[in-house]
Amino acid sequence: MKIPETIIKEVQQGRVAIENTMEDPYIQSKVEVYGFTAEKMTEGKNIVISVQSLLNKQQANIGYKLAATDSFNTIKASLDEEYYRVRKVGLIAFRTNRAVRHTLGISGRYPKTYPVWLEKNHQLYTNALADEAILARFAEFGISKAELEADLAALPAVSTAFKQREQKSGESQQTTFKRNQEYKEFKEWTRDFYPIAALALKDEPQLLEKLGIMRRS
């Protein structure tokens, strides 16, 4: 999920306004009359720094999530190609034996959701390897026991990739939640500060421009 540019710009503008106020004794003295003391400005600065830190962390987490998703999709696509091939051979080899098709889990529609897909993979390879007659029939169509063992052994990799994707997704959501909380606090703080600064500097538009605040009519 992409971070809205408006949020990034608002936070950056807020930091400029706060820091330029703190670094200019004259502006600081003007807003201090209305309660925005040095301590109050430090509070605002800490808030905006916290929001920016979470925005950076959120950007990183989005990248980690995308990387984990791409890794999962790549691994699954590779295993899915093999599963499709073995399943297709099974449907041909056992087209007259619905009991075996059921045992292998290849009856019905092709699995679409990941949990069902993974379960059907395990069912096909595990049950085929447990039955010598099924293995012999597969061998007639060029599918060896070694291939089926390798296919079964490859499944943990996709499970691991899926777990990593879910972990990164969860971390991203948690950071987004924290960022939203901090951003709300930032908005509340600046909602007071901006109009106060505009009032305190109403006759000095050049100083308002220094803070990045538009003069209100």
C-alpha atoms as a PDB file:
ATOM      1  CA  MET A   1       0.000   0.000   0.000  1.00  0.00           C
ATOM      2  CA  LYS A   2       1.492   3.287  -1.111  1.00  0.00           C
ATOM      3  CA  ILE A   3       1.739   6.114   1.415  1.00  0.00           C
ATOM      4  CA  PRO A   4      -0.290   9.131   0.227  1.00  0.00           C
ATOM      5  CA  GLU A   5       1.967  11.964  -0.911  1.00  0.00           C
ATOM      6  CA  THR A   6      -0.250  14.429   0.920  1.00  0.00           C
ATOM      7  CA  ILE A   7       0.747  12.906   4.257  1.00  0.00           C
ATOM      8  CA  ILE A   8       4.444  13.043   3.405  1.00  0.00           C
ATOM      9  CA  LYS A   9       4.150  16.684   2.331  1.00  0.00           C
ATOM     10  CA  GLU A  10       2.105  17.695   5.367  1.00  0.00           C
ATOM     11  CA  VAL A  11       4.598  16.175   7.771  1.00  0.00           C
ATOM     12  CA  GLN A  12       7.547  17.738   5.979  1.00  0.00           C
ATOM     13  CA  GLN A  13       5.826  21.123   5.986  1.00  0.00           C
ATOM     14  CA  GLY A  14       5.073  20.728   9.678  1.00  0.00           C
ATOM     15  CA  ARG A  15       8.709  20.027  10.489  1.00  0.00           C
ATOM     16  CA  VAL A  16       9.847  23.070   8.509  1.00  0.00           C
ATOM     17  CA  ALA A  17       7.336  25.313  10.285  1.00  0.00           C
ATOM     18  CA  ILE A  18       8.221  24.027  13.738  1.00  0.00           C
ATOM     19  CA  GLU A  19      11.997  24.059  13.321  1.00  0.00           C
ATOM     20  CA  ASN A  20      12.064  27.471  11.636  1.00  0.00           C
ATOM     21  CA  THR A  21      10.015  28.841  14.511  1.00  0.00           C
ATOM     22  CA  MET A  22      12.351  27.368  17.099  1.00  0.00           C
ATOM     23  CA  GLU A  23      15.448  28.608  15.287  1.00  0.00           C
ATOM     24  CA  ASP A  24      14.183  32.176  14.963  1.00  0.00           C
ATOM     25  CA  PRO A  25      14.066  33.957  18.357  1.00  0.00           C
ATOM     26  CA  TYR A  26      11.759  36.661  17.030  1.00  0.00           C
ATOM     27  CA  ILE A  27       9.159  34.234  15.675  1.00  0.00           C
ATOM     28  CA  GLN A  28       9.448  32.157  18.826  1.00  0.00           C
ATOM     29  CA  SER A  29       8.741  35.201  20.940  1.00  0.00           C
ATOM     30  CA  LYS A  30       5.689  36.067  18.852  1.00  0.00           C
ATOM     31  CA  VAL A  31       4.030  32.646  19.158  1.00  0.00           C
ATOM     32  CA  GLU A  32       5.050  32.313  22.808  1.00  0.00           C
ATOM     33  CA  VAL A  33       2.562  35.059  23.636  1.00  0.00           C
ATOM     34  CA  TYR A  34      -0.174  32.604  22.631  1.00  0.00           C
ATOM     35  CA  GLY A  35       1.127  29.704  24.628  1.00  0.00           C
ATOM     36  CA  PHE A  36       3.562  28.130  22.171  1.00  0.00           C
ATOM     37  CA  THR A  37       6.558  28.254  24.469  1.00  0.00           C
ATOM     38  CA  ALA A  38       9.915  26.645  23.748  1.00  0.00           C
ATOM     39  CA  GLU A  39       8.712  23.579  25.647  1.00  0.00           C
ATOM     40  CA  LYS A  40       5.523  23.477  23.600  1.00  0.00           C
ATOM     41  CA  MET A  41       7.485  23.762  20.354  1.00  0.00           C
ATOM     42  CA  THR A  42       9.810  20.952  21.469  1.00  0.00           C
ATOM     43  CA  GLU A  43       6.727  18.836  22.016  1.00  0.00           C
ATOM     44  CA  GLY A  44       5.612  19.541  18.461  1.00  0.00           C
ATOM     45  CA  LYS A  45       9.061  18.797  17.090  1.00  0.00           C
ATOM     46  CA  ASN A  46       9.168  15.447  18.878  1.00  0.00           C
ATOM     47  CA  ILE A  47       5.770  14.555  17.449  1.00  0.00           C
ATOM     48  CA  VAL A  48       6.723  15.380  13.884  1.00  0.00           C
ATOM     49  CA  ILE A  49      10.047  13.541  14.169  1.00  0.00           C
ATOM     50  CA  SER A  50       8.183  10.486  15.458  1.00  0.00           C
ATOM     51  CA  VAL A  51       5.763  10.622  12.532  1.00  0.00           C
ATOM     52  CA  GLN A  52       8.603  10.922  10.023  1.00  0.00           C
ATOM     53  CA  SER A  53      10.406   7.996  11.627  1.00  0.00           C
ATOM     54  CA  LEU A  54       7.284   5.860  11.310  1.00  0.00           C
ATOM     55  CA  LEU A  55       6.787   6.979   7.712  1.00  0.00           C
ATOM     56  CA  ASN A  56      10.323   5.815   6.912  1.00  0.00           C
ATOM     57  CA  LYS A  57       9.733   2.546   8.727  1.00  0.00           C
ATOM     58  CA  GLN A  58       6.445   2.108   6.889  1.00  0.00           C
ATOM     59  CA  GLN A  59       8.175   2.632   3.541  1.00  0.00           C
ATOM     60  CA  ALA A  60      10.753   0.010   4.467  1.00  0.00           C
ATOM     61  CA  ASN A  61       8.083  -2.445   5.621  1.00  0.00           C
ATOM     62  CA  ILE A  62       6.185  -2.006   2.377  1.00  0.00           C
ATOM     63  CA  GLY A  63       9.378  -2.920   0.534  1.00  0.00           C
ATOM     64  CA  TYR A  64       9.928  -5.982   2.730  1.00  0.00           C
ATOM     65  CA  LYS A  65       6.328  -7.050   2.176  1.00  0.00           C
ATOM     66  CA  LEU A  66       6.654  -6.684  -1.605  1.00  0.00           C
ATOM     67  CA  ALA A  67       9.881  -8.682  -1.614  1.00  0.00           C
ATOM     68  CA  ALA A  68       8.307 -11.440   0.486  1.00  0.00           C
ATOM     69  CA  THR A  69       5.255 -11.492  -1.775  1.00  0.00           C
ATOM     70  CA  ASP A  70       7.386 -11.738  -4.907  1.00  0.00           C
ATOM     71  CA  SER A  71       9.418 -14.565  -3.359  1.00  0.00           C
ATOM     72  CA  PHE A  72       6.281 -16.470  -2.399  1.00  0.00           C
ATOM     73  CA  ASN A  73       4.704 -16.006  -5.828  1.00  0.00           C
ATOM     74  CA  THR A  74       7.874 -17.168  -7.589  1.00  0.00           C
ATOM     75  CA  ILE A  75       8.249 -20.303  -5.466  1.00  0.00           C
ATOM     76  CA  LYS A  76       4.562 -21.161  -5.660  1.00  0.00           C
ATOM     77  CA  ALA A  77       4.465 -20.662  -9.439  1.00  0.00           C
ATOM     78  CA  SER A  78       7.363 -23.087  -9.869  1.00  0.00           C
ATOM     79  CA  LEU A  79       5.775 -25.738  -7.648  1.00  0.00           C
ATOM     80  CA  ASP A  80       2.381 -25.144  -9.186  1.00  0.00           C
ATOM     81  CA  GLU A  81       3.756 -25.919 -12.633  1.00  0.00           C
ATOM     82  CA  GLU A  82       5.013 -29.280 -11.354  1.00  0.00           C
ATOM     83  CA  TYR A  83       1.797 -29.994  -9.474  1.00  0.00           C
ATOM     84  CA  TYR A  84      -0.258 -29.238 -12.571  1.00  0.00           C
ATOM     85  CA  ARG A  85       1.875 -31.667 -14.604  1.00  0.00           C
ATOM     86  CA  VAL A  86       1.700 -34.528 -12.089  1.00  0.00           C
ATOM     87  CA  ARG A  87      -2.001 -33.936 -11.474  1.00  0.00           C
ATOM     88  CA  LYS A  88      -2.699 -33.989 -15.202  1.00  0.00           C
ATOM     89  CA  VAL A  89      -0.818 -37.248 -15.618  1.00  0.00           C
ATOM     90  CA  GLY A  90      -2.763 -38.675 -12.685  1.00  0.00           C
ATOM     91  CA  LEU A  91      -6.069 -37.742 -14.262  1.00  0.00           C
ATOM     92  CA  ILE A  92      -5.016 -39.523 -17.440  1.00  0.00           C
ATOM     93  CA  ALA A  93      -3.466 -42.558 -15.766  1.00  0.00           C
ATOM     94  CA  PHE A  94      -6.413 -43.091 -13.427  1.00  0.00           C
ATOM     95  CA  ARG A  95      -9.241 -41.825 -15.611  1.00  0.00           C
ATOM     96  CA  THR A  96     -11.160 -45.077 -15.054  1.00  0.00           C
ATOM     97  CA  ASN A  97     -10.386 -45.345 -11.348  1.00  0.00           C
ATOM     98  CA  ARG A  98     -12.290 -42.720  -9.403  1.00  0.00           C
ATOM     99  CA  ALA A  99     -11.237 -44.243  -6.078  1.00  0.00           C
ATOM    100  CA  VAL A 100      -7.581 -43.515  -6.787  1.00  0.00           C
ATOM    101  CA  ARG A 101      -8.406 -40.060  -8.130  1.00  0.00           C
ATOM    102  CA  HIS A 102     -10.167 -39.376  -4.852  1.00  0.00           C
ATOM    103  CA  THR A 103      -7.237 -40.763  -2.874  1.00  0.00           C
ATOM    104  CA  LEU A 104      -4.875 -38.456  -4.717  1.00  0.00           C
ATOM    105  CA  GLY A 105      -7.215 -35.484  -4.353  1.00  0.00           C
ATOM    106  CA  ILE A 106      -7.274 -34.760  -8.074  1.00  0.00           C
ATOM    107  CA  SER A 107     -11.005 -35.080  -8.601  1.00  0.00           C
ATOM    108  CA  GLY A 108     -12.988 -31.893  -9.011  1.00  0.00           C
ATOM    109  CA  ARG A 109     -11.795 -28.432  -9.859  1.00  0.00           C
ATOM    110  CA  TYR A 110      -8.231 -27.211  -9.746  1.00  0.00           C
ATOM    111  CA  PRO A 111      -7.499 -25.661  -6.321  1.00  0.00           C
ATOM    112  CA  LYS A 112      -7.459 -21.878  -6.449  1.00  0.00           C
ATOM    113  CA  THR A 113      -6.854 -20.689  -2.891  1.00  0.00           C
ATOM    114  CA  TYR A 114      -3.415 -21.239  -1.378  1.00  0.00           C
ATOM    115  CA  PRO A 115      -4.496 -23.317   1.669  1.00  0.00           C
ATOM    116  CA  VAL A 116      -6.490 -25.722  -0.506  1.00  0.00           C
ATOM    117  CA  TRP A 117      -3.729 -25.813  -3.110  1.00  0.00           C
ATOM    118  CA  LEU A 118      -1.110 -26.716  -0.482  1.00  0.00           C
ATOM    119  CA  GLU A 119      -3.312 -29.396   1.047  1.00  0.00           C
ATOM    120  CA  LYS A 120      -3.993 -30.937  -2.365  1.00  0.00           C
ATOM    121  CA  ASN A 121      -0.259 -31.000  -3.116  1.00  0.00           C
ATOM    122  CA  HIS A 122       0.429 -32.842   0.122  1.00  0.00           C
ATOM    123  CA  GLN A 123      -2.433 -35.239  -0.521  1.00  0.00           C
ATOM    124  CA  LEU A 124      -1.286 -36.103  -4.035  1.00  0.00           C
ATOM    125  CA  TYR A 125       2.382 -36.703  -3.267  1.00  0.00           C
ATOM    126  CA  THR A 126       1.950 -38.333   0.151  1.00  0.00           C
ATOM    127  CA  ASN A 127      -0.763 -40.764  -0.900  1.00  0.00           C
ATOM    128  CA  ALA A 128       0.951 -41.634  -4.161  1.00  0.00           C
ATOM    129  CA  LEU A 129       4.193 -42.430  -2.346  1.00  0.00           C
ATOM    130  CA  ALA A 130       2.322 -44.623   0.135  1.00  0.00           C
ATOM    131  CA  ASP A 131       0.872 -46.926  -2.529  1.00  0.00           C
ATOM    132  CA  GLU A 132       3.088 -49.151  -4.678  1.00  0.00           C
ATOM    133  CA  ALA A 133       0.337 -49.751  -7.250  1.00  0.00           C
ATOM    134  CA  ILE A 134      -0.128 -45.997  -7.740  1.00  0.00           C
ATOM    135  CA  LEU A 135       3.643 -45.517  -8.002  1.00  0.00           C
ATOM    136  CA  ALA A 136       3.859 -48.251 -10.614  1.00  0.00           C
ATOM    137  CA  ARG A 137       1.078 -46.671 -12.661  1.00  0.00           C
ATOM    138  CA  PHE A 138       2.703 -43.245 -12.481  1.00  0.00           C
ATOM    139  CA  ALA A 139       6.006 -44.796 -13.586  1.00  0.00           C
ATOM    140  CA  GLU A 140       4.292 -46.070 -16.733  1.00  0.00           C
ATOM    141  CA  PHE A 141       3.644 -42.426 -17.625  1.00  0.00           C
ATOM    142  CA  GLY A 142       7.141 -41.184 -16.844  1.00  0.00           C
ATOM    143  CA  ILE A 143       6.557 -39.974 -13.263  1.00  0.00           C
ATOM    144  CA  SER A 144       9.094 -41.661 -10.981  1.00  0.00           C
ATOM    145  CA  LYS A 145       9.028 -42.187  -7.246  1.00  0.00           C
ATOM    146  CA  ALA A 146      12.098 -39.953  -6.953  1.00  0.00           C
ATOM    147  CA  GLU A 147      10.239 -37.111  -8.679  1.00  0.00           C
ATOM    148  CA  LEU A 148       7.287 -37.409  -6.330  1.00  0.00           C
ATOM    149  CA  GLU A 149       9.609 -37.458  -3.316  1.00  0.00           C
ATOM    150  CA  ALA A 150      11.348 -34.339  -4.590  1.00  0.00           C
ATOM    151  CA  ASP A 151       7.995 -32.622  -5.134  1.00  0.00           C
ATOM    152  CA  LEU A 152       6.896 -33.428  -1.589  1.00  0.00           C
ATOM    153  CA  ALA A 153      10.233 -32.263  -0.173  1.00  0.00           C
ATOM    154  CA  ALA A 154       9.883 -28.916  -1.988  1.00  0.00           C
ATOM    155  CA  LEU A 155       6.599 -27.982  -0.318  1.00  0.00           C
ATOM    156  CA  PRO A 156       8.073 -26.658   2.973  1.00  0.00           C
ATOM    157  CA  ALA A 157       9.803 -23.922   0.963  1.00  0.00           C
ATOM    158  CA  VAL A 158       6.506 -22.481  -0.208  1.00  0.00           C
ATOM    159  CA  SER A 159       5.082 -22.776   3.311  1.00  0.00           C
ATOM    160  CA  THR A 160       8.040 -20.828   4.669  1.00  0.00           C
ATOM    161  CA  ALA A 161       7.677 -18.179   1.965  1.00  0.00           C
ATOM    162  CA  PHE A 162       3.980 -17.827   2.759  1.00  0.00           C
ATOM    163  CA  LYS A 163       4.674 -17.411   6.488  1.00  0.00           C
ATOM    164  CA  GLN A 164       7.304 -14.771   5.749  1.00  0.00           C
ATOM    165  CA  ARG A 165       4.864 -12.905   3.531  1.00  0.00           C
ATOM    166  CA  GLU A 166       2.225 -12.953   6.258  1.00  0.00           C
ATOM    167  CA  GLN A 167       4.778 -11.837   8.848  1.00  0.00           C
ATOM    168  CA  LYS A 168       5.897  -8.884   6.739  1.00  0.00           C
ATOM    169  CA  SER A 169       2.295  -8.010   6.016  1.00  0.00           C
ATOM    170  CA  GLY A 170       1.511  -8.014   9.733  1.00  0.00           C
ATOM    171  CA  GLU A 171       4.529  -5.851  10.533  1.00  0.00           C
ATOM    172  CA  SER A 172       3.508  -3.415   7.815  1.00  0.00           C
ATOM    173  CA  GLN A 173      -0.030  -3.187   9.178  1.00  0.00           C
ATOM    174  CA  GLN A 174       1.242  -2.649  12.720  1.00  0.00           C
ATOM    175  CA  THR A 175       3.531   0.176  11.598  1.00  0.00           C
ATOM    176  CA  THR A 176       0.709   1.736   9.602  1.00  0.00           C
ATOM    177  CA  PHE A 177      -1.522   1.647  12.675  1.00  0.00           C
ATOM    178  CA  LYS A 178       1.131   3.362  14.796  1.00  0.00           C
ATOM    179  CA  ARG A 179       1.777   5.914  12.061  1.00  0.00           C
ATOM    180  CA  ASN A 180      -1.917   6.730  11.843  1.00  0.00           C
ATOM    181  CA  GLN A 181      -2.014   7.339  15.593  1.00  0.00           C
ATOM    182  CA  GLU A 182       1.048   9.593  15.506  1.00  0.00           C
ATOM    183  CA  TYR A 183      -0.202  11.373  12.403  1.00  0.00           C
ATOM    184  CA  LYS A 184      -3.503  12.113  14.134  1.00  0.00           C
ATOM    185  CA  GLU A 185      -1.609  13.637  17.063  1.00  0.00           C
ATOM    186  CA  PHE A 186       0.491  15.660  14.625  1.00  0.00           C
ATOM    187  CA  LYS A 187      -2.620  16.968  12.884  1.00  0.00           C
ATOM    188  CA  GLU A 188      -4.157  17.990  16.199  1.00  0.00           C
ATOM    189  CA  TRP A 189      -1.004  19.825  17.233  1.00  0.00           C
ATOM    190  CA  THR A 190      -0.597  21.722  13.951  1.00  0.00           C
ATOM    191  CA  ARG A 191      -4.318  22.472  13.821  1.00  0.00           C
ATOM    192  CA  ASP A 192      -3.664  24.743  16.806  1.00  0.00           C
ATOM    193  CA  PHE A 193      -0.208  25.950  15.826  1.00  0.00           C
ATOM    194  CA  TYR A 194      -0.835  27.082  12.245  1.00  0.00           C
ATOM    195  CA  PRO A 195      -3.663  29.535  13.005  1.00  0.00           C
ATOM    196  CA  ILE A 196      -1.807  30.840  16.058  1.00  0.00           C
ATOM    197  CA  ALA A 197       1.307  31.479  13.972  1.00  0.00           C
ATOM    198  CA  ALA A 198      -0.835  33.159  11.321  1.00  0.00           C
ATOM    199  CA  LEU A 199      -2.353  35.402  13.980  1.00  0.00           C
ATOM    200  CA  ALA A 200       0.952  36.188  15.680  1.00  0.00           C
ATOM    201  CA  LEU A 201       2.586  37.089  12.364  1.00  0.00           C
ATOM    202  CA  LYS A 202      -0.430  38.570  10.598  1.00  0.00           C
ATOM    203  CA  ASP A 203       1.451  41.783   9.714  1.00  0.00           C
ATOM    204  CA  GLU A 204       4.624  39.997   8.652  1.00  0.00           C
ATOM    205  CA  PRO A 205       3.769  37.755   5.676  1.00  0.00           C
ATOM    206  CA  GLN A 206       7.438  37.164   4.873  1.00  0.00           C
ATOM    207  CA  LEU A 207       7.827  35.386   8.200  1.00  0.00           C
ATOM    208  CA  LEU A 208       4.740  33.289   7.550  1.00  0.00           C
ATOM    209  CA  GLU A 209       6.284  32.329   4.228  1.00  0.00           C
ATOM    210  CA  LYS A 210       9.397  31.276   6.115  1.00  0.00           C
ATOM    211  CA  LEU A 211       7.203  28.859   8.016  1.00  0.00           C
ATOM    212  CA  GLY A 212       5.461  27.671   4.868  1.00  0.00           C
ATOM    213  CA  ILE A 213       2.133  28.947   6.138  1.00  0.00           C
ATOM    214  CA  MET A 214      -0.278  30.641   3.756  1.00  0.00           C
ATOM    215  CA  ARG A 215      -1.593  33.960   5.014  1.00  0.00           C
ATOM    216  CA  ARG A 216      -5.278  33.828   5.774  1.00  0.00           C
ATOM    217  CA  SER A 217      -7.521  36.701   4.755  1.00  0.00           C
END
